[in-house]
N, C-alpha and C. Protein backbone atom coordinates (compact mmCIF):
# COMPACT_ATOMS: atom_id res chain seq x y z
N UNK A 1 -25.85 -2.30 -4.02
CA UNK A 1 -24.47 -2.12 -2.78
C UNK A 1 -24.41 -0.90 -2.43
N UNK A 2 -24.49 -0.85 -1.06
CA UNK A 2 -24.08 0.83 -0.49
C UNK A 2 -22.49 0.60 -0.04
N UNK A 3 -21.81 1.73 -0.65
CA UNK A 3 -20.42 1.96 -0.52
C UNK A 3 -20.23 3.24 0.02
N UNK A 4 -19.24 3.41 1.12
CA UNK A 4 -18.75 4.40 1.73
C UNK A 4 -17.09 4.30 2.21
N UNK A 5 -16.74 5.69 2.19
CA UNK A 5 -15.35 5.62 2.86
C UNK A 5 -15.44 5.64 4.28
N UNK A 6 -16.70 6.05 5.00
CA UNK A 6 -16.51 6.05 6.34
C UNK A 6 -16.74 4.50 6.92
N UNK A 7 -16.28 4.35 8.38
CA UNK A 7 -16.32 3.14 9.06
C UNK A 7 -17.69 2.84 9.36
N UNK A 8 -18.79 3.69 9.34
CA UNK A 8 -20.01 3.27 9.96
C UNK A 8 -21.00 3.91 8.75
N UNK A 9 -22.14 3.47 8.82
CA UNK A 9 -23.29 4.12 8.14
C UNK A 9 -24.47 4.62 9.11
N UNK A 10 -24.61 5.80 9.12
CA UNK A 10 -25.58 6.58 9.74
C UNK A 10 -26.86 6.03 9.50
N UNK A 11 -27.33 5.70 10.93
CA UNK A 11 -28.72 5.18 10.68
C UNK A 11 -28.91 3.64 10.49
N UNK A 12 -27.96 2.97 10.38
CA UNK A 12 -27.93 1.66 9.89
C UNK A 12 -26.95 0.82 10.90
N UNK A 13 -27.17 -0.39 11.13
CA UNK A 13 -26.37 -1.24 12.04
C UNK A 13 -25.61 -2.28 11.71
N UNK A 14 -24.43 -2.09 11.75
CA UNK A 14 -23.64 -3.52 11.14
C UNK A 14 -23.90 -4.74 11.95
N UNK A 15 -24.43 -5.85 11.15
CA UNK A 15 -24.84 -7.00 11.92
C UNK A 15 -23.43 -8.16 11.82
N UNK A 16 -22.71 -7.73 10.62
CA UNK A 16 -21.80 -8.98 10.64
C UNK A 16 -20.79 -8.32 9.54
N UNK A 17 -19.52 -8.78 10.00
CA UNK A 17 -18.27 -8.34 9.07
C UNK A 17 -17.75 -9.26 8.38
N UNK A 18 -17.89 -9.27 7.10
CA UNK A 18 -17.45 -10.41 6.45
C UNK A 18 -15.95 -10.62 5.72
N UNK A 19 -15.44 -9.36 6.11
CA UNK A 19 -14.03 -9.46 5.72
C UNK A 19 -13.61 -8.34 4.57
N UNK A 20 -12.29 -8.35 4.19
CA UNK A 20 -11.63 -7.61 3.15
C UNK A 20 -12.04 -8.00 1.86
N UNK A 21 -12.54 -6.95 1.18
CA UNK A 21 -12.65 -7.12 -0.29
C UNK A 21 -11.94 -6.04 -0.93
N UNK A 22 -11.57 -6.46 -2.39
CA UNK A 22 -10.90 -5.61 -3.07
C UNK A 22 -11.03 -5.68 -4.77
N UNK A 23 -10.84 -4.90 -5.20
CA UNK A 23 -10.78 -5.01 -6.79
C UNK A 23 -9.82 -4.08 -7.60
N UNK A 24 -9.25 -4.46 -8.43
CA UNK A 24 -8.04 -3.95 -9.14
C UNK A 24 -8.26 -3.64 -10.68
N UNK A 25 -8.01 -2.75 -11.38
CA UNK A 25 -7.98 -2.55 -12.84
C UNK A 25 -6.43 -1.93 -13.28
N UNK A 26 -6.03 -2.52 -14.19
CA UNK A 26 -4.99 -2.24 -14.98
C UNK A 26 -4.97 -2.00 -16.22
N UNK A 27 -4.68 -0.60 -16.75
CA UNK A 27 -4.99 -0.07 -18.07
C UNK A 27 -3.85 0.47 -18.60
N UNK A 28 -3.75 0.15 -20.02
CA UNK A 28 -2.35 0.77 -20.71
C UNK A 28 -2.69 1.97 -21.27
N UNK A 29 -1.74 2.69 -21.20
CA UNK A 29 -1.82 4.11 -22.04
C UNK A 29 -1.49 4.14 -23.29
N UNK A 30 -2.10 4.58 -24.15
CA UNK A 30 -1.98 4.78 -25.48
C UNK A 30 -0.92 5.54 -25.83
N UNK A 31 0.16 4.93 -26.69
CA UNK A 31 1.29 6.17 -27.02
C UNK A 31 0.93 7.48 -27.59
N UNK A 32 -0.19 7.51 -28.33
CA UNK A 32 -0.75 8.68 -28.87
C UNK A 32 -1.14 9.63 -27.55
N UNK A 33 -1.77 9.12 -26.89
CA UNK A 33 -2.55 9.91 -25.71
C UNK A 33 -1.30 10.22 -24.75
N UNK A 34 -0.01 9.59 -24.77
CA UNK A 34 1.07 9.89 -24.09
C UNK A 34 1.93 11.17 -24.51
N UNK A 35 1.85 11.00 -25.84
CA UNK A 35 2.42 12.06 -26.67
C UNK A 35 1.73 13.42 -26.57
N UNK A 36 0.20 13.35 -26.75
CA UNK A 36 -0.47 14.71 -26.75
C UNK A 36 -0.53 15.19 -25.18
N UNK A 37 -0.51 14.09 -24.19
CA UNK A 37 -0.46 14.69 -22.71
C UNK A 37 0.72 15.40 -22.34
N UNK A 38 1.89 14.69 -23.00
CA UNK A 38 3.06 15.61 -22.77
C UNK A 38 3.07 17.03 -23.30
N UNK A 39 2.42 17.21 -24.51
CA UNK A 39 2.38 18.39 -25.02
C UNK A 39 1.64 19.37 -23.96
N UNK A 40 0.38 18.56 -23.71
CA UNK A 40 -0.53 19.51 -22.76
C UNK A 40 0.16 19.94 -21.74
N UNK A 41 0.85 18.97 -21.16
CA UNK A 41 1.67 19.22 -19.98
C UNK A 41 2.84 20.43 -19.95
N UNK A 42 3.21 20.83 -21.32
CA UNK A 42 4.28 21.90 -21.56
C UNK A 42 3.35 23.31 -21.68
N UNK A 43 2.43 23.02 -22.57
CA UNK A 43 1.40 24.23 -22.66
C UNK A 43 0.38 24.38 -21.56
N UNK A 44 0.18 23.65 -20.86
CA UNK A 44 -0.83 23.73 -19.65
C UNK A 44 -2.05 23.07 -19.75
N UNK A 45 -3.01 22.76 -18.72
CA UNK A 45 -4.33 22.44 -19.01
C UNK A 45 -4.53 20.89 -18.70
N UNK A 46 -5.65 20.60 -18.89
CA UNK A 46 -6.19 19.18 -18.24
C UNK A 46 -5.72 18.13 -19.44
N UNK A 47 -5.63 16.65 -19.08
CA UNK A 47 -5.39 15.81 -20.19
C UNK A 47 -6.96 15.00 -20.15
N UNK A 48 -7.68 15.29 -20.81
CA UNK A 48 -8.92 14.63 -21.01
C UNK A 48 -8.98 13.13 -20.98
N UNK A 49 -7.95 12.62 -21.86
CA UNK A 49 -7.89 11.37 -22.30
C UNK A 49 -7.35 10.73 -21.16
N UNK A 50 -6.39 11.34 -20.21
CA UNK A 50 -6.13 10.45 -19.18
C UNK A 50 -7.37 10.57 -18.02
N UNK A 51 -7.87 11.88 -17.80
CA UNK A 51 -8.94 11.75 -16.99
C UNK A 51 -9.85 10.54 -17.18
N UNK A 52 -10.27 10.26 -18.59
CA UNK A 52 -11.21 9.50 -18.89
C UNK A 52 -11.01 7.91 -18.56
N UNK A 53 -9.61 7.58 -18.72
CA UNK A 53 -9.17 6.40 -18.64
C UNK A 53 -8.84 6.19 -17.03
N UNK A 54 -8.57 7.18 -16.18
CA UNK A 54 -8.44 7.13 -14.93
C UNK A 54 -9.93 6.78 -14.39
N UNK A 55 -10.97 7.43 -14.43
CA UNK A 55 -12.39 7.49 -14.27
C UNK A 55 -12.80 6.05 -14.60
N UNK A 56 -12.35 5.56 -16.01
CA UNK A 56 -12.79 4.16 -16.02
C UNK A 56 -12.37 3.15 -15.43
N UNK A 57 -11.02 3.31 -14.92
CA UNK A 57 -10.07 2.38 -14.02
C UNK A 57 -10.67 2.33 -12.66
N UNK A 58 -11.06 3.34 -12.25
CA UNK A 58 -11.53 3.49 -10.97
C UNK A 58 -13.11 2.88 -10.87
N UNK A 59 -13.97 3.07 -11.62
CA UNK A 59 -15.34 2.27 -11.91
C UNK A 59 -15.06 0.95 -12.10
N UNK A 60 -13.98 0.53 -12.74
CA UNK A 60 -14.05 -0.86 -12.85
C UNK A 60 -13.51 -1.53 -11.54
N UNK A 61 -12.49 -0.86 -10.84
CA UNK A 61 -11.96 -1.45 -9.35
C UNK A 61 -13.31 -1.46 -8.67
N UNK A 62 -14.16 -0.50 -8.25
CA UNK A 62 -15.05 -0.34 -7.60
C UNK A 62 -16.01 -1.62 -7.82
N UNK A 63 -16.35 -1.69 -9.10
CA UNK A 63 -17.43 -2.56 -9.44
C UNK A 63 -16.73 -4.28 -8.79
N UNK A 64 -15.47 -4.49 -9.14
CA UNK A 64 -14.85 -5.64 -9.11
C UNK A 64 -15.01 -5.79 -7.42
N UNK A 65 -14.80 -4.86 -6.48
CA UNK A 65 -14.73 -4.84 -4.93
C UNK A 65 -16.23 -5.03 -4.44
N UNK A 66 -17.16 -4.40 -5.21
CA UNK A 66 -18.60 -4.59 -4.96
C UNK A 66 -18.82 -6.32 -5.13
N UNK A 67 -18.77 -6.74 -6.23
CA UNK A 67 -18.92 -8.07 -6.86
C UNK A 67 -18.12 -8.90 -5.90
N UNK A 68 -16.99 -8.88 -5.47
CA UNK A 68 -16.31 -9.60 -4.41
C UNK A 68 -17.04 -9.60 -3.10
N UNK A 69 -17.45 -8.27 -2.74
CA UNK A 69 -18.39 -8.35 -1.40
C UNK A 69 -19.58 -9.23 -1.47
N UNK A 70 -20.43 -8.87 -2.61
CA UNK A 70 -21.59 -9.75 -2.84
C UNK A 70 -21.34 -11.11 -2.60
N UNK A 71 -20.37 -11.60 -3.42
CA UNK A 71 -19.84 -12.94 -3.41
C UNK A 71 -19.90 -13.57 -2.03
N UNK A 72 -19.38 -12.87 -1.08
CA UNK A 72 -19.36 -13.37 0.22
C UNK A 72 -20.55 -12.88 1.20
N UNK A 73 -21.69 -12.64 0.54
CA UNK A 73 -23.04 -12.35 1.23
C UNK A 73 -23.10 -10.92 1.96
N UNK A 74 -22.35 -9.99 1.70
CA UNK A 74 -22.38 -8.65 2.14
C UNK A 74 -23.40 -7.94 1.34
N UNK A 75 -23.95 -6.78 2.01
CA UNK A 75 -24.79 -5.89 1.31
C UNK A 75 -24.29 -4.37 1.35
N UNK A 76 -22.79 -4.26 1.83
CA UNK A 76 -22.44 -2.93 2.08
C UNK A 76 -20.86 -3.00 2.28
N UNK A 77 -20.24 -1.64 1.68
CA UNK A 77 -18.76 -1.99 1.98
C UNK A 77 -18.30 -0.69 2.45
N UNK A 78 -17.66 -0.76 3.58
CA UNK A 78 -17.34 0.48 4.23
C UNK A 78 -15.88 0.75 4.50
N UNK A 79 -15.56 1.95 4.63
CA UNK A 79 -13.74 2.16 4.86
C UNK A 79 -12.92 2.01 3.83
N UNK A 80 -13.82 2.22 2.57
CA UNK A 80 -13.13 2.12 1.09
C UNK A 80 -12.03 3.09 1.06
N UNK A 81 -10.99 2.68 0.28
CA UNK A 81 -9.73 3.36 0.24
C UNK A 81 -9.57 3.11 -1.47
N UNK A 82 -9.12 4.00 -2.04
CA UNK A 82 -8.95 3.81 -3.42
C UNK A 82 -7.36 4.34 -3.95
N UNK A 83 -6.70 3.54 -4.53
CA UNK A 83 -5.11 3.86 -4.68
C UNK A 83 -5.03 4.01 -6.34
N UNK A 84 -4.15 4.81 -6.53
CA UNK A 84 -3.73 4.93 -8.03
C UNK A 84 -2.10 4.79 -8.00
N UNK A 85 -1.85 3.78 -8.99
CA UNK A 85 -0.49 3.58 -9.15
C UNK A 85 0.04 3.66 -10.59
N UNK A 86 1.19 3.94 -11.09
CA UNK A 86 1.74 3.60 -12.40
C UNK A 86 2.41 2.24 -12.09
N UNK A 87 2.15 1.55 -13.10
CA UNK A 87 3.19 0.01 -13.03
C UNK A 87 3.92 -0.11 -14.33
N UNK A 88 4.80 -1.03 -14.68
CA UNK A 88 5.30 -1.19 -15.88
C UNK A 88 6.72 -0.95 -15.93
N UNK A 89 7.39 -1.20 -16.80
CA UNK A 89 9.00 -0.71 -16.69
C UNK A 89 9.11 0.70 -17.03
N UNK A 90 8.21 1.35 -17.73
CA UNK A 90 8.53 2.65 -17.92
C UNK A 90 7.22 3.49 -17.35
N UNK A 91 6.39 2.81 -16.54
CA UNK A 91 5.25 3.57 -15.94
C UNK A 91 4.01 3.70 -16.92
N UNK A 92 4.12 2.67 -17.85
CA UNK A 92 2.95 3.14 -19.13
C UNK A 92 1.68 2.33 -18.82
N UNK A 93 1.81 1.77 -17.88
CA UNK A 93 0.42 1.09 -17.29
C UNK A 93 -0.24 2.08 -16.01
N UNK A 94 -1.58 2.10 -15.76
CA UNK A 94 -2.36 2.68 -14.72
C UNK A 94 -2.76 1.71 -13.93
N UNK A 95 -2.37 1.61 -12.82
CA UNK A 95 -3.18 0.91 -11.65
C UNK A 95 -4.03 1.42 -10.65
N UNK A 96 -5.33 1.00 -10.51
CA UNK A 96 -6.37 1.47 -9.59
C UNK A 96 -6.60 0.52 -8.79
N UNK A 97 -6.62 0.34 -7.39
CA UNK A 97 -7.19 -0.70 -6.44
C UNK A 97 -8.12 -0.09 -5.64
N UNK A 98 -9.01 -0.49 -5.49
CA UNK A 98 -10.14 -0.22 -4.20
C UNK A 98 -10.33 -1.49 -3.31
N UNK A 99 -10.34 -1.15 -1.97
CA UNK A 99 -10.47 -1.97 -1.10
C UNK A 99 -11.44 -1.45 -0.07
N UNK A 100 -12.04 -2.38 0.67
CA UNK A 100 -12.60 -2.02 1.96
C UNK A 100 -13.30 -3.47 2.85
N UNK A 101 -14.01 -2.94 3.62
CA UNK A 101 -14.39 -4.03 4.58
C UNK A 101 -15.99 -4.38 4.12
N UNK A 102 -16.10 -5.55 3.70
CA UNK A 102 -17.56 -6.05 3.38
C UNK A 102 -18.46 -6.21 4.83
N UNK A 103 -19.58 -5.35 4.79
CA UNK A 103 -20.28 -6.06 6.16
C UNK A 103 -21.63 -6.09 5.87
N UNK A 104 -22.70 -6.65 6.38
CA UNK A 104 -24.31 -6.70 5.98
C UNK A 104 -24.53 -5.71 7.47
N UNK A 105 -25.65 -4.81 6.69
CA UNK A 105 -26.15 -3.80 7.80
C UNK A 105 -27.59 -4.18 7.49
N UNK A 106 -28.19 -3.65 8.51
CA UNK A 106 -29.65 -3.63 8.56
C UNK A 106 -30.50 -2.32 9.05
């Protein structure tokens, strides 16, 4: 499945627009990671645990979006947008959503 954030694919012709496709991933943050990330924020540096979870959530969301596109007969997704949000009463959950336009290219 070809994926791109652009609205066209250079050298390829879009022959059909199949519609909007999306994928979401919501992951809970571990309390110990939260604690150590808070310490890391105080002393500076990057939080490897959160970066790993963010990457995992993004991969899941994009995979779901591509599966959605494949299910409606597309072979590419264009105009992809990836959004990150915290959800839950105390923001303890991480949500990543990926959306784009499913198309058929030749």
